[in-house]
Amino acid sequence: MAKPTGPRILAITSEKGGVGKSTLAVNLAGACAAQGRRVVLIDEDGRVGSAVRWAARGGDALGFPVLEPDDARPKLLAGADLVILDTEGRPKRKDLRALAERADTVLVPSGLSALERDATRELVEYLGDQGAAAKVRVVLCRVPPVGSAADDLREELRDAGMVVCNAVIRQYAAHTKAAELGVLVRDVRDPRAASAWADVEALAQELG
């Protein structure tokens, strides 16, 4: 059965906390909107609601709507080119199965620690078992601004058969400031804000 026409759905999910999932979701939505796309971000993590709280702190500063699931009415979504889902942290397996079916792209952020690498492998393998292997992309986040650790892990994961983005999201204090102010990282007064935003723009371009 052909998939119904509508906006592209990009889901960001992880089974490991602390990888910067909501930071990635908000800024990636902003970068895609800056490319001229009509973007809606849906915060599906009802327990934490990081993206909704982020947007509330900044008023209209983000430049795109951030909705809770109950507010994501079909008529509103029909006007979007891209819907980004900031999923629940550590989602249940049944929710991951549903996500694998409805999303066009599943983006899995991963840090560099051994625990994060193992959690990423397990999640990607599970999504592959659900027939979603072609949809899954791993993006390395919270990467040290210097050193080759990210390059080494990217090749390790690729050797294991995973699709890993070339773009990485480096760890800068500007990301924390952006969350505190409710703005995109490009709008923070910080000497590294431009570098942080360039990482997100590169990822948005790569995902197409």
C-alpha atoms as a PDB file:
ATOM      1  CA  MET A   1       0.000   0.000   0.000  1.00  0.00           C
ATOM      2  CA  ALA A   2       1.358   3.416  -0.945  1.00  0.00           C
ATOM      3  CA  LYS A   3       2.010   5.816   1.878  1.00  0.00           C
ATOM      4  CA  PRO A   4      -0.517   8.673   2.015  1.00  0.00           C
ATOM      5  CA  THR A   5       0.769  11.978   0.724  1.00  0.00           C
ATOM      6  CA  GLY A   6       1.695  14.530   3.344  1.00  0.00           C
ATOM      7  CA  PRO A   7       4.693  16.084   5.035  1.00  0.00           C
ATOM      8  CA  ARG A   8       7.904  14.162   5.439  1.00  0.00           C
ATOM      9  CA  ILE A   9       8.215  12.791   8.972  1.00  0.00           C
ATOM     10  CA  LEU A  10      11.628  12.800  10.642  1.00  0.00           C
ATOM     11  CA  ALA A  11      11.709  11.176  14.072  1.00  0.00           C
ATOM     12  CA  ILE A  12      14.548  11.673  16.548  1.00  0.00           C
ATOM     13  CA  THR A  13      14.780   8.897  19.095  1.00  0.00           C
ATOM     14  CA  SER A  14      17.228   7.330  21.521  1.00  0.00           C
ATOM     15  CA  GLU A  15      17.255   4.690  24.230  1.00  0.00           C
ATOM     16  CA  LYS A  16      19.968   6.540  26.138  1.00  0.00           C
ATOM     17  CA  GLY A  17      19.338   9.761  28.010  1.00  0.00           C
ATOM     18  CA  GLY A  18      21.666  12.732  27.928  1.00  0.00           C
ATOM     19  CA  VAL A  19      22.557  12.569  24.245  1.00  0.00           C
ATOM     20  CA  GLY A  20      21.038  15.976  23.454  1.00  0.00           C
ATOM     21  CA  LYS A  21      17.932  14.697  21.665  1.00  0.00           C
ATOM     22  CA  SER A  22      15.762  17.761  22.253  1.00  0.00           C
ATOM     23  CA  THR A  23      18.655  20.140  21.614  1.00  0.00           C
ATOM     24  CA  LEU A  24      19.110  18.424  18.278  1.00  0.00           C
ATOM     25  CA  ALA A  25      15.376  18.432  17.504  1.00  0.00           C
ATOM     26  CA  VAL A  26      14.881  22.149  18.158  1.00  0.00           C
ATOM     27  CA  ASN A  27      17.953  23.337  16.296  1.00  0.00           C
ATOM     28  CA  LEU A  28      17.507  20.939  13.391  1.00  0.00           C
ATOM     29  CA  ALA A  29      13.936  22.179  12.993  1.00  0.00           C
ATOM     30  CA  GLY A  30      15.297  25.721  12.965  1.00  0.00           C
ATOM     31  CA  ALA A  31      17.945  24.907  10.364  1.00  0.00           C
ATOM     32  CA  CYS A  32      15.382  23.242   8.113  1.00  0.00           C
ATOM     33  CA  ALA A  33      13.049  26.225   8.499  1.00  0.00           C
ATOM     34  CA  ALA A  34      15.930  28.523   7.571  1.00  0.00           C
ATOM     35  CA  GLN A  35      16.261  26.546   4.336  1.00  0.00           C
ATOM     36  CA  GLY A  36      12.731  27.648   3.461  1.00  0.00           C
ATOM     37  CA  ARG A  37      10.828  24.565   4.584  1.00  0.00           C
ATOM     38  CA  ARG A  38       7.564  24.748   6.493  1.00  0.00           C
ATOM     39  CA  VAL A  39       8.487  22.868   9.660  1.00  0.00           C
ATOM     40  CA  VAL A  40       6.443  21.686  12.624  1.00  0.00           C
ATOM     41  CA  LEU A  41       8.133  20.194  15.681  1.00  0.00           C
ATOM     42  CA  ILE A  42       6.028  17.844  17.810  1.00  0.00           C
ATOM     43  CA  ASP A  43       7.218  17.180  21.348  1.00  0.00           C
ATOM     44  CA  GLU A  44       6.114  13.620  22.095  1.00  0.00           C
ATOM     45  CA  ASP A  45       7.987  13.393  25.382  1.00  0.00           C
ATOM     46  CA  GLY A  46       5.034  14.258  27.606  1.00  0.00           C
ATOM     47  CA  ARG A  47       6.909  13.436  30.802  1.00  0.00           C
ATOM     48  CA  VAL A  48       9.699  15.952  30.208  1.00  0.00           C
ATOM     49  CA  GLY A  49       8.425  18.221  27.436  1.00  0.00           C
ATOM     50  CA  SER A  50      11.839  19.730  26.777  1.00  0.00           C
ATOM     51  CA  ALA A  51      11.007  21.155  23.348  1.00  0.00           C
ATOM     52  CA  VAL A  52       7.684  22.670  24.460  1.00  0.00           C
ATOM     53  CA  ARG A  53       9.333  24.297  27.471  1.00  0.00           C
ATOM     54  CA  TRP A  54      12.177  25.528  25.264  1.00  0.00           C
ATOM     55  CA  ALA A  55       9.723  27.226  22.916  1.00  0.00           C
ATOM     56  CA  ALA A  56       7.747  28.734  25.805  1.00  0.00           C
ATOM     57  CA  ARG A  57      10.863  30.387  27.218  1.00  0.00           C
ATOM     58  CA  GLY A  58      11.574  32.164  23.948  1.00  0.00           C
ATOM     59  CA  GLY A  59       8.077  33.200  22.904  1.00  0.00           C
ATOM     60  CA  ASP A  60       8.056  33.288  19.101  1.00  0.00           C
ATOM     61  CA  ALA A  61      11.847  33.309  18.814  1.00  0.00           C
ATOM     62  CA  LEU A  62      12.179  29.894  17.176  1.00  0.00           C
ATOM     63  CA  GLY A  63      10.191  30.796  14.063  1.00  0.00           C
ATOM     64  CA  PHE A  64       8.282  27.505  13.793  1.00  0.00           C
ATOM     65  CA  PRO A  65       5.523  25.879  15.862  1.00  0.00           C
ATOM     66  CA  VAL A  66       6.362  23.444  18.650  1.00  0.00           C
ATOM     67  CA  LEU A  67       3.301  21.383  19.524  1.00  0.00           C
ATOM     68  CA  GLU A  68       2.216  18.737  21.953  1.00  0.00           C
ATOM     69  CA  PRO A  69       0.680  15.679  20.246  1.00  0.00           C
ATOM     70  CA  ASP A  70      -2.899  16.633  21.148  1.00  0.00           C
ATOM     71  CA  ASP A  71      -2.448  19.997  19.422  1.00  0.00           C
ATOM     72  CA  ALA A  72      -1.022  18.525  16.204  1.00  0.00           C
ATOM     73  CA  ARG A  73      -4.226  18.688  14.197  1.00  0.00           C
ATOM     74  CA  PRO A  74      -4.206  17.164  10.691  1.00  0.00           C
ATOM     75  CA  LYS A  75      -5.218  20.467   9.093  1.00  0.00           C
ATOM     76  CA  LEU A  76      -2.207  22.216  10.625  1.00  0.00           C
ATOM     77  CA  LEU A  77       0.197  19.453   9.656  1.00  0.00           C
ATOM     78  CA  ALA A  78      -1.137  19.384   6.107  1.00  0.00           C
ATOM     79  CA  GLY A  79       0.485  22.763   5.531  1.00  0.00           C
ATOM     80  CA  ALA A  80       3.922  21.533   6.576  1.00  0.00           C
ATOM     81  CA  ASP A  81       6.719  20.197   4.414  1.00  0.00           C
ATOM     82  CA  LEU A  82       8.483  18.540   7.322  1.00  0.00           C
ATOM     83  CA  VAL A  83       7.296  17.256  10.688  1.00  0.00           C
ATOM     84  CA  ILE A  84      10.028  16.546  13.226  1.00  0.00           C
ATOM     85  CA  LEU A  85       9.137  14.291  16.146  1.00  0.00           C
ATOM     86  CA  ASP A  86      11.056  14.690  19.396  1.00  0.00           C
ATOM     87  CA  THR A  87      10.126  11.293  20.792  1.00  0.00           C
ATOM     88  CA  GLU A  88       9.796  10.108  24.342  1.00  0.00           C
ATOM     89  CA  GLY A  89      13.066   9.334  26.078  1.00  0.00           C
ATOM     90  CA  ARG A  90      13.740   5.598  26.226  1.00  0.00           C
ATOM     91  CA  PRO A  91      10.600   4.689  24.249  1.00  0.00           C
ATOM     92  CA  LYS A  92       8.836   1.379  24.721  1.00  0.00           C
ATOM     93  CA  ARG A  93       9.369  -1.286  22.087  1.00  0.00           C
ATOM     94  CA  LYS A  94       5.772  -1.078  20.892  1.00  0.00           C
ATOM     95  CA  ASP A  95       6.228   2.675  20.360  1.00  0.00           C
ATOM     96  CA  LEU A  96       9.418   2.051  18.419  1.00  0.00           C
ATOM     97  CA  ARG A  97       7.581  -0.400  16.170  1.00  0.00           C
ATOM     98  CA  ALA A  98       4.933   2.220  15.438  1.00  0.00           C
ATOM     99  CA  LEU A  99       7.625   4.833  14.871  1.00  0.00           C
ATOM    100  CA  ALA A 100       9.394   2.590  12.375  1.00  0.00           C
ATOM    101  CA  GLU A 101       6.182   2.401  10.375  1.00  0.00           C
ATOM    102  CA  ARG A 102       5.139   6.054  10.320  1.00  0.00           C
ATOM    103  CA  ALA A 103       8.460   7.889  10.011  1.00  0.00           C
ATOM    104  CA  ASP A 104      10.246   8.500   6.718  1.00  0.00           C
ATOM    105  CA  THR A 105      13.574   8.967   8.498  1.00  0.00           C
ATOM    106  CA  VAL A 106      14.591   7.878  12.002  1.00  0.00           C
ATOM    107  CA  LEU A 107      17.536   9.852  13.351  1.00  0.00           C
ATOM    108  CA  VAL A 108      19.362   8.281  16.295  1.00  0.00           C
ATOM    109  CA  PRO A 109      21.665  10.664  18.187  1.00  0.00           C
ATOM    110  CA  SER A 110      24.595   9.017  19.941  1.00  0.00           C
ATOM    111  CA  GLY A 111      27.362  10.203  22.184  1.00  0.00           C
ATOM    112  CA  LEU A 112      30.820   8.658  22.198  1.00  0.00           C
ATOM    113  CA  SER A 113      30.853   6.704  25.466  1.00  0.00           C
ATOM    114  CA  ALA A 114      30.751   2.919  25.534  1.00  0.00           C
ATOM    115  CA  LEU A 115      27.252   2.939  27.075  1.00  0.00           C
ATOM    116  CA  GLU A 116      25.966   5.264  24.375  1.00  0.00           C
ATOM    117  CA  ARG A 117      27.575   3.220  21.607  1.00  0.00           C
ATOM    118  CA  ASP A 118      26.030   0.011  22.926  1.00  0.00           C
ATOM    119  CA  ALA A 119      22.576   1.600  23.279  1.00  0.00           C
ATOM    120  CA  THR A 120      22.812   2.958  19.734  1.00  0.00           C
ATOM    121  CA  ARG A 121      23.778  -0.422  18.302  1.00  0.00           C
ATOM    122  CA  GLU A 122      20.895  -2.151  20.078  1.00  0.00           C
ATOM    123  CA  LEU A 123      18.375   0.449  18.919  1.00  0.00           C
ATOM    124  CA  VAL A 124      19.537   0.405  15.307  1.00  0.00           C
ATOM    125  CA  GLU A 125      19.489  -3.390  15.255  1.00  0.00           C
ATOM    126  CA  TYR A 126      15.957  -3.430  16.687  1.00  0.00           C
ATOM    127  CA  LEU A 127      14.695  -0.918  14.137  1.00  0.00           C
ATOM    128  CA  GLY A 128      16.326  -3.000  11.434  1.00  0.00           C
ATOM    129  CA  ASP A 129      14.440  -6.055  12.660  1.00  0.00           C
ATOM    130  CA  GLN A 130      11.238  -4.005  12.239  1.00  0.00           C
ATOM    131  CA  GLY A 131      12.026  -3.455   8.571  1.00  0.00           C
ATOM    132  CA  ALA A 132      13.175   0.145   9.036  1.00  0.00           C
ATOM    133  CA  ALA A 133      16.891  -0.284   8.345  1.00  0.00           C
ATOM    134  CA  ALA A 134      16.768   1.919   5.240  1.00  0.00           C
ATOM    135  CA  LYS A 135      15.208   4.748   7.260  1.00  0.00           C
ATOM    136  CA  VAL A 136      17.724   4.880  10.108  1.00  0.00           C
ATOM    137  CA  ARG A 137      20.578   7.376  10.364  1.00  0.00           C
ATOM    138  CA  VAL A 138      22.929   7.786  13.315  1.00  0.00           C
ATOM    139  CA  VAL A 139      24.268  11.234  14.158  1.00  0.00           C
ATOM    140  CA  LEU A 140      27.100  11.714  16.630  1.00  0.00           C
ATOM    141  CA  CYS A 141      26.273  14.380  19.226  1.00  0.00           C
ATOM    142  CA  ARG A 142      27.998  16.064  22.148  1.00  0.00           C
ATOM    143  CA  VAL A 143      31.263  15.512  20.314  1.00  0.00           C
ATOM    144  CA  PRO A 144      34.415  17.167  21.721  1.00  0.00           C
ATOM    145  CA  PRO A 145      35.327  20.129  19.491  1.00  0.00           C
ATOM    146  CA  VAL A 146      38.861  18.783  19.067  1.00  0.00           C
ATOM    147  CA  GLY A 147      40.253  15.306  18.480  1.00  0.00           C
ATOM    148  CA  SER A 148      39.426  12.369  16.228  1.00  0.00           C
ATOM    149  CA  ALA A 149      37.154  10.356  18.541  1.00  0.00           C
ATOM    150  CA  ALA A 150      34.069  11.074  16.417  1.00  0.00           C
ATOM    151  CA  ASP A 151      35.816  10.053  13.191  1.00  0.00           C
ATOM    152  CA  ASP A 152      36.974   6.810  14.786  1.00  0.00           C
ATOM    153  CA  LEU A 153      33.487   5.950  16.095  1.00  0.00           C
ATOM    154  CA  ARG A 154      31.853   6.844  12.788  1.00  0.00           C
ATOM    155  CA  GLU A 155      34.032   4.342  10.985  1.00  0.00           C
ATOM    156  CA  GLU A 156      33.473   1.728  13.685  1.00  0.00           C
ATOM    157  CA  LEU A 157      29.698   2.042  13.377  1.00  0.00           C
ATOM    158  CA  ARG A 158      29.853   2.044   9.600  1.00  0.00           C
ATOM    159  CA  ASP A 159      31.940  -1.118   9.675  1.00  0.00           C
ATOM    160  CA  ALA A 160      29.108  -2.621  11.743  1.00  0.00           C
ATOM    161  CA  GLY A 161      26.711  -1.838   8.897  1.00  0.00           C
ATOM    162  CA  MET A 162      25.124   1.355  10.213  1.00  0.00           C
ATOM    163  CA  VAL A 163      24.470   4.515   8.229  1.00  0.00           C
ATOM    164  CA  VAL A 164      26.200   7.353  10.088  1.00  0.00           C
ATOM    165  CA  CYS A 165      25.946  11.001   9.093  1.00  0.00           C
ATOM    166  CA  ASN A 166      29.106  12.840   8.116  1.00  0.00           C
ATOM    167  CA  ALA A 167      27.945  15.891  10.056  1.00  0.00           C
ATOM    168  CA  VAL A 168      28.489  15.854  13.819  1.00  0.00           C
ATOM    169  CA  ILE A 169      27.045  18.030  16.570  1.00  0.00           C
ATOM    170  CA  ARG A 170      29.910  19.282  18.674  1.00  0.00           C
ATOM    171  CA  GLN A 171      29.517  20.074  22.359  1.00  0.00           C
ATOM    172  CA  TYR A 172      29.487  23.817  22.951  1.00  0.00           C
ATOM    173  CA  ALA A 173      28.215  25.858  25.877  1.00  0.00           C
ATOM    174  CA  ALA A 174      26.187  27.844  23.333  1.00  0.00           C
ATOM    175  CA  HIS A 175      23.720  24.939  23.119  1.00  0.00           C
ATOM    176  CA  THR A 176      23.018  25.151  26.854  1.00  0.00           C
ATOM    177  CA  LYS A 177      22.592  28.915  26.641  1.00  0.00           C
ATOM    178  CA  ALA A 178      20.150  28.526  23.743  1.00  0.00           C
ATOM    179  CA  ALA A 179      17.998  26.137  25.765  1.00  0.00           C
ATOM    180  CA  GLU A 180      17.992  28.501  28.741  1.00  0.00           C
ATOM    181  CA  LEU A 181      16.913  31.446  26.571  1.00  0.00           C
ATOM    182  CA  GLY A 182      14.451  29.534  24.395  1.00  0.00           C
ATOM    183  CA  VAL A 183      16.203  30.428  21.138  1.00  0.00           C
ATOM    184  CA  LEU A 184      18.148  28.707  18.394  1.00  0.00           C
ATOM    185  CA  VAL A 185      21.853  28.309  18.986  1.00  0.00           C
ATOM    186  CA  ARG A 186      22.615  30.745  16.151  1.00  0.00           C
ATOM    187  CA  ASP A 187      20.917  33.514  18.180  1.00  0.00           C
ATOM    188  CA  VAL A 188      23.058  33.135  21.303  1.00  0.00           C
ATOM    189  CA  ARG A 189      25.717  35.724  22.077  1.00  0.00           C
ATOM    190  CA  ASP A 190      28.600  33.321  22.364  1.00  0.00           C
ATOM    191  CA  PRO A 191      31.893  33.083  20.449  1.00  0.00           C
ATOM    192  CA  ARG A 192      31.167  29.459  19.499  1.00  0.00           C
ATOM    193  CA  ALA A 193      27.526  29.939  18.511  1.00  0.00           C
ATOM    194  CA  ALA A 194      28.368  30.233  14.806  1.00  0.00           C
ATOM    195  CA  SER A 195      30.335  26.972  14.906  1.00  0.00           C
ATOM    196  CA  ALA A 196      27.507  25.214  16.745  1.00  0.00           C
ATOM    197  CA  TRP A 197      24.968  26.453  14.189  1.00  0.00           C
ATOM    198  CA  ALA A 198      27.219  25.395  11.297  1.00  0.00           C
ATOM    199  CA  ASP A 199      27.126  21.825  12.630  1.00  0.00           C
ATOM    200  CA  VAL A 200      23.319  21.836  12.608  1.00  0.00           C
ATOM    201  CA  GLU A 201      23.138  23.404   9.155  1.00  0.00           C
ATOM    202  CA  ALA A 202      25.486  20.728   7.813  1.00  0.00           C
ATOM    203  CA  LEU A 203      23.260  18.005   9.241  1.00  0.00           C
ATOM    204  CA  ALA A 204      20.097  19.591   7.792  1.00  0.00           C
ATOM    205  CA  GLN A 205      21.757  19.775   4.389  1.00  0.00           C
ATOM    206  CA  GLU A 206      22.924  16.169   4.580  1.00  0.00           C
ATOM    207  CA  LEU A 207      19.501  14.843   5.534  1.00  0.00           C
ATOM    208  CA  GLY A 208      18.007  16.679   2.551  1.00  0.00           C
END
